[in-house]
C-alpha atoms as a PDB file:
ATOM      1  CA  MET A   1    -141.751  77.786  94.101  1.00  0.00           C
ATOM      2  CA  LYS A   2    -139.454  78.517  97.018  1.00  0.00           C
ATOM      3  CA  SER A   3    -137.450  81.617  97.867  1.00  0.00           C
ATOM      4  CA  VAL A   4    -134.840  82.776  95.372  1.00  0.00           C
ATOM      5  CA  ILE A   5    -132.137  82.963  98.028  1.00  0.00           C
ATOM      6  CA  THR A   6    -131.238  80.936 101.063  1.00  0.00           C
ATOM      7  CA  PRO A   7    -130.559  83.428 103.853  1.00  0.00           C
ATOM      8  CA  GLU A   8    -127.550  82.775 106.021  1.00  0.00           C
ATOM      9  CA  ILE A   9    -127.685  83.784 109.675  1.00  0.00           C
ATOM     10  CA  ASN A  10    -124.641  84.502 111.868  1.00  0.00           C
ATOM     11  CA  GLU A  11    -124.326  83.507 115.532  1.00  0.00           C
ATOM     12  CA  ASP A  12    -126.006  86.799 116.547  1.00  0.00           C
ATOM     13  CA  GLY A  13    -129.064  85.983 114.463  1.00  0.00           C
ATOM     14  CA  LYS A  14    -128.344  88.605 111.791  1.00  0.00           C
ATOM     15  CA  VAL A  15    -128.583  87.922 108.076  1.00  0.00           C
ATOM     16  CA  ILE A  16    -125.195  87.721 106.353  1.00  0.00           C
ATOM     17  CA  ARG A  17    -125.157  89.699 103.098  1.00  0.00           C
ATOM     18  CA  ARG A  18    -123.558  87.767 100.243  1.00  0.00           C
ATOM     19  CA  VAL A  19    -122.636  88.453  96.664  1.00  0.00           C
ATOM     20  CA  ARG A  20    -125.488  87.374  94.418  1.00  0.00           C
ATOM     21  CA  SER A  21    -125.510  86.472  90.742  1.00  0.00           C
ATOM     22  CA  PHE A  22    -128.446  88.757  90.062  1.00  0.00           C
ATOM     23  CA  VAL A  23    -130.178  92.024  90.742  1.00  0.00           C
ATOM     24  CA  ARG A  24    -133.862  91.542  91.468  1.00  0.00           C
ATOM     25  CA  ARG A  25    -136.054  93.216  88.845  1.00  0.00           C
ATOM     26  CA  GLN A  26    -139.725  93.857  89.304  1.00  0.00           C
ATOM     27  CA  GLY A  27    -142.301  93.226  86.659  1.00  0.00           C
ATOM     28  CA  ARG A  28    -145.913  92.315  86.252  1.00  0.00           C
ATOM     29  CA  LEU A  29    -146.900  88.890  85.106  1.00  0.00           C
ATOM     30  CA  THR A  30    -149.131  88.703  82.068  1.00  0.00           C
ATOM     31  CA  THR A  31    -152.007  86.231  82.157  1.00  0.00           C
ATOM     32  CA  ARG A  32    -150.036  83.997  79.752  1.00  0.00           C
ATOM     33  CA  GLN A  33    -146.960  84.043  82.022  1.00  0.00           C
ATOM     34  CA  GLU A  34    -148.996  83.439  85.181  1.00  0.00           C
ATOM     35  CA  ASN A  35    -150.857  80.514  83.606  1.00  0.00           C
ATOM     36  CA  ALA A  36    -147.591  79.000  82.366  1.00  0.00           C
ATOM     37  CA  LEU A  37    -146.078  79.208  85.860  1.00  0.00           C
ATOM     38  CA  LYS A  38    -149.108  77.518  87.415  1.00  0.00           C
ATOM     39  CA  MET A  39    -149.518  74.825  84.777  1.00  0.00           C
ATOM     40  CA  LEU A  40    -145.948  74.077  83.688  1.00  0.00           C
ATOM     41  CA  TRP A  41    -143.790  74.586  86.786  1.00  0.00           C
ATOM     42  CA  PRO A  42    -144.642  71.112  88.189  1.00  0.00           C
ATOM     43  CA  LYS A  43    -143.253  69.479  85.025  1.00  0.00           C
ATOM     44  CA  MET A  44    -140.474  71.828  83.901  1.00  0.00           C
ATOM     45  CA  GLY A  45    -139.596  73.687  87.091  1.00  0.00           C
ATOM     46  CA  VAL A  46    -136.954  72.609  89.585  1.00  0.00           C
ATOM     47  CA  ASP A  47    -137.146  73.751  93.195  1.00  0.00           C
ATOM     48  CA  PHE A  48    -133.900  74.626  94.957  1.00  0.00           C
ATOM     49  CA  THR A  49    -133.072  71.901  97.461  1.00  0.00           C
ATOM     50  CA  GLY A  50    -129.364  72.307  98.094  1.00  0.00           C
ATOM     51  CA  GLN A  51    -128.963  68.635  97.137  1.00  0.00           C
ATOM     52  CA  ILE A  52    -126.999  67.391  94.124  1.00  0.00           C
ATOM     53  CA  LEU A  53    -129.228  67.241  91.075  1.00  0.00           C
ATOM     54  CA  SER A  54    -129.277  64.155  88.856  1.00  0.00           C
ATOM     55  CA  PHE A  55    -129.833  65.346  85.296  1.00  0.00           C
ATOM     56  CA  ASP A  56    -130.365  61.732  84.182  1.00  0.00           C
ATOM     57  CA  SER A  57    -133.345  61.494  86.557  1.00  0.00           C
ATOM     58  CA  LEU A  58    -134.574  65.016  85.871  1.00  0.00           C
ATOM     59  CA  PHE A  59    -134.696  64.589  82.092  1.00  0.00           C
ATOM     60  CA  GLY A  60    -135.177  60.822  81.941  1.00  0.00           C
ATOM     61  CA  ASN A  61    -132.094  60.395  79.742  1.00  0.00           C
ATOM     62  CA  ASN A  62    -128.327  60.897  79.804  1.00  0.00           C
ATOM     63  CA  ALA A  63    -128.040  63.463  77.009  1.00  0.00           C
ATOM     64  CA  PRO A  64    -125.496  66.273  77.438  1.00  0.00           C
ATOM     65  CA  VAL A  65    -126.738  69.292  79.409  1.00  0.00           C
ATOM     66  CA  THR A  66    -126.264  72.934  78.475  1.00  0.00           C
ATOM     67  CA  LEU A  67    -126.803  75.472  81.247  1.00  0.00           C
ATOM     68  CA  GLU A  68    -127.903  79.031  80.579  1.00  0.00           C
ATOM     69  CA  ILE A  69    -127.565  81.484  83.455  1.00  0.00           C
ATOM     70  CA  GLY A  70    -129.868  84.486  83.333  1.00  0.00           C
ATOM     71  CA  PHE A  71    -131.991  83.559  80.328  1.00  0.00           C
ATOM     72  CA  GLY A  72    -134.202  86.657  80.516  1.00  0.00           C
ATOM     73  CA  MET A  73    -137.445  86.004  78.677  1.00  0.00           C
ATOM     74  CA  GLY A  74    -136.132  82.635  77.486  1.00  0.00           C
ATOM     75  CA  SER A  75    -136.337  83.028  73.718  1.00  0.00           C
ATOM     76  CA  THR A  76    -132.738  81.937  73.092  1.00  0.00           C
ATOM     77  CA  LEU A  77    -133.004  79.055  75.552  1.00  0.00           C
ATOM     78  CA  VAL A  78    -136.229  77.756  73.989  1.00  0.00           C
ATOM     79  CA  THR A  79    -134.796  78.097  70.476  1.00  0.00           C
ATOM     80  CA  MET A  80    -131.654  76.154  71.441  1.00  0.00           C
ATOM     81  CA  ALA A  81    -133.766  73.399  73.026  1.00  0.00           C
ATOM     82  CA  GLU A  82    -136.062  73.259  69.999  1.00  0.00           C
ATOM     83  CA  GLN A  83    -133.164  73.049  67.527  1.00  0.00           C
ATOM     84  CA  ASN A  84    -131.080  70.544  69.534  1.00  0.00           C
ATOM     85  CA  ILE A  85    -133.455  67.801  70.633  1.00  0.00           C
ATOM     86  CA  ALA A  86    -130.580  65.386  71.340  1.00  0.00           C
ATOM     87  CA  GLN A  87    -129.392  67.666  74.167  1.00  0.00           C
ATOM     88  CA  ASN A  88    -130.931  68.833  77.429  1.00  0.00           C
ATOM     89  CA  PHE A  89    -131.128  72.461  78.551  1.00  0.00           C
ATOM     90  CA  PHE A  90    -131.218  73.820  82.090  1.00  0.00           C
ATOM     91  CA  GLY A  91    -131.932  77.487  82.733  1.00  0.00           C
ATOM     92  CA  ILE A  92    -131.385  79.596  85.839  1.00  0.00           C
ATOM     93  CA  GLU A  93    -133.354  82.841  86.179  1.00  0.00           C
ATOM     94  CA  VAL A  94    -134.925  84.921  88.957  1.00  0.00           C
ATOM     95  CA  HIS A  95    -137.188  87.223  86.922  1.00  0.00           C
ATOM     96  CA  MET A  96    -140.662  85.701  87.238  1.00  0.00           C
ATOM     97  CA  PRO A  97    -142.120  87.253  84.057  1.00  0.00           C
ATOM     98  CA  GLY A  98    -139.138  85.816  82.148  1.00  0.00           C
ATOM     99  CA  ILE A  99    -139.647  82.381  83.663  1.00  0.00           C
ATOM    100  CA  GLY A 100    -143.345  82.479  82.796  1.00  0.00           C
ATOM    101  CA  ALA A 101    -142.593  83.597  79.234  1.00  0.00           C
ATOM    102  CA  CYS A 102    -139.975  80.860  78.815  1.00  0.00           C
ATOM    103  CA  LEU A 103    -142.335  78.153  80.083  1.00  0.00           C
ATOM    104  CA  ALA A 104    -145.137  79.349  77.801  1.00  0.00           C
ATOM    105  CA  ALA A 105    -142.813  79.422  74.781  1.00  0.00           C
ATOM    106  CA  ALA A 106    -141.498  75.947  75.627  1.00  0.00           C
ATOM    107  CA  LYS A 107    -145.050  74.578  75.706  1.00  0.00           C
ATOM    108  CA  GLU A 108    -145.899  76.285  72.405  1.00  0.00           C
ATOM    109  CA  ALA A 109    -142.749  74.784  70.844  1.00  0.00           C
ATOM    110  CA  ASN A 110    -143.687  71.390  72.334  1.00  0.00           C
ATOM    111  CA  ILE A 111    -140.228  70.760  73.747  1.00  0.00           C
ATOM    112  CA  SER A 112    -139.444  68.349  76.557  1.00  0.00           C
ATOM    113  CA  ASN A 113    -135.675  68.835  76.892  1.00  0.00           C
ATOM    114  CA  LEU A 114    -135.819  71.994  79.020  1.00  0.00           C
ATOM    115  CA  ARG A 115    -135.942  72.515  82.785  1.00  0.00           C
ATOM    116  CA  ILE A 116    -135.806  75.760  84.769  1.00  0.00           C
ATOM    117  CA  ILE A 117    -134.836  76.775  88.283  1.00  0.00           C
ATOM    118  CA  CYS A 118    -135.664  80.092  89.940  1.00  0.00           C
ATOM    119  CA  HIS A 119    -132.785  80.705  92.296  1.00  0.00           C
ATOM    120  CA  ASP A 120    -129.413  82.396  92.721  1.00  0.00           C
ATOM    121  CA  ALA A 121    -127.012  80.872  90.182  1.00  0.00           C
ATOM    122  CA  ILE A 122    -124.112  80.900  92.647  1.00  0.00           C
ATOM    123  CA  GLU A 123    -125.997  78.699  95.099  1.00  0.00           C
ATOM    124  CA  VAL A 124    -127.253  76.383  92.351  1.00  0.00           C
ATOM    125  CA  LEU A 125    -123.704  75.929  91.011  1.00  0.00           C
ATOM    126  CA  GLU A 126    -122.212  75.423  94.474  1.00  0.00           C
ATOM    127  CA  LYS A 127    -124.850  73.132  95.971  1.00  0.00           C
ATOM    128  CA  MET A 128    -126.785  71.360  93.226  1.00  0.00           C
ATOM    129  CA  LEU A 129    -124.485  70.728  90.254  1.00  0.00           C
ATOM    130  CA  LEU A 130    -121.501  68.424  89.995  1.00  0.00           C
ATOM    131  CA  ASN A 131    -118.509  69.864  88.147  1.00  0.00           C
ATOM    132  CA  SER A 132    -118.690  67.143  85.505  1.00  0.00           C
ATOM    133  CA  SER A 133    -122.468  67.334  84.976  1.00  0.00           C
ATOM    134  CA  LEU A 134    -122.535  70.091  82.343  1.00  0.00           C
ATOM    135  CA  ASN A 135    -121.552  69.939  78.696  1.00  0.00           C
ATOM    136  CA  MET A 136    -121.667  73.712  78.163  1.00  0.00           C
ATOM    137  CA  VAL A 137    -122.495  76.915  80.058  1.00  0.00           C
ATOM    138  CA  HIS A 138    -123.980  80.026  78.432  1.00  0.00           C
ATOM    139  CA  LEU A 139    -123.750  83.295  80.310  1.00  0.00           C
ATOM    140  CA  PHE A 140    -124.996  86.355  78.497  1.00  0.00           C
ATOM    141  CA  PHE A 141    -125.085  89.690  80.266  1.00  0.00           C
ATOM    142  CA  LEU A 142    -125.315  93.386  79.671  1.00  0.00           C
ATOM    143  CA  ILE A 143    -123.349  95.849  81.722  1.00  0.00           C
ATOM    144  CA  HIS A 144    -125.378  99.015  82.134  1.00  0.00           C
ATOM    145  CA  GLY A 145    -123.646 102.368  82.168  1.00  0.00           C
ATOM    146  CA  ILE A 146    -120.585 101.401  80.111  1.00  0.00           C
ATOM    147  CA  LYS A 147    -120.063 103.602  77.067  1.00  0.00           C
END
């Protein structure tokens, strides 16, 4: 798995700070999550390339694709994929324990219509997805500190 962000450098060689779609959270990987990352990433994981992604090639079919940004531990994403086998699901997340949990749950549910990328959603949307390539986008978030 490659870096979550692609650093941009200005002409002076300094990193340009950009708005990101996430705040990096720390967390320990369980053995289950670590094993899922090692074993399942080659099949279900997508590395950031900056090149347009062909969902037809990625999934091996032309079913409609639902994107979920920030899927957390992946339970909703896996459930949607399990209950809608005629659709494909693509998840973007940067929290490694969540990615590991999602991959493990996907294997346990025996689903094949799910792929995951570990990268900044803004860059994935800008550089890897065509505007017409998605059927639906799910974005769930919690704003901390609002009462």
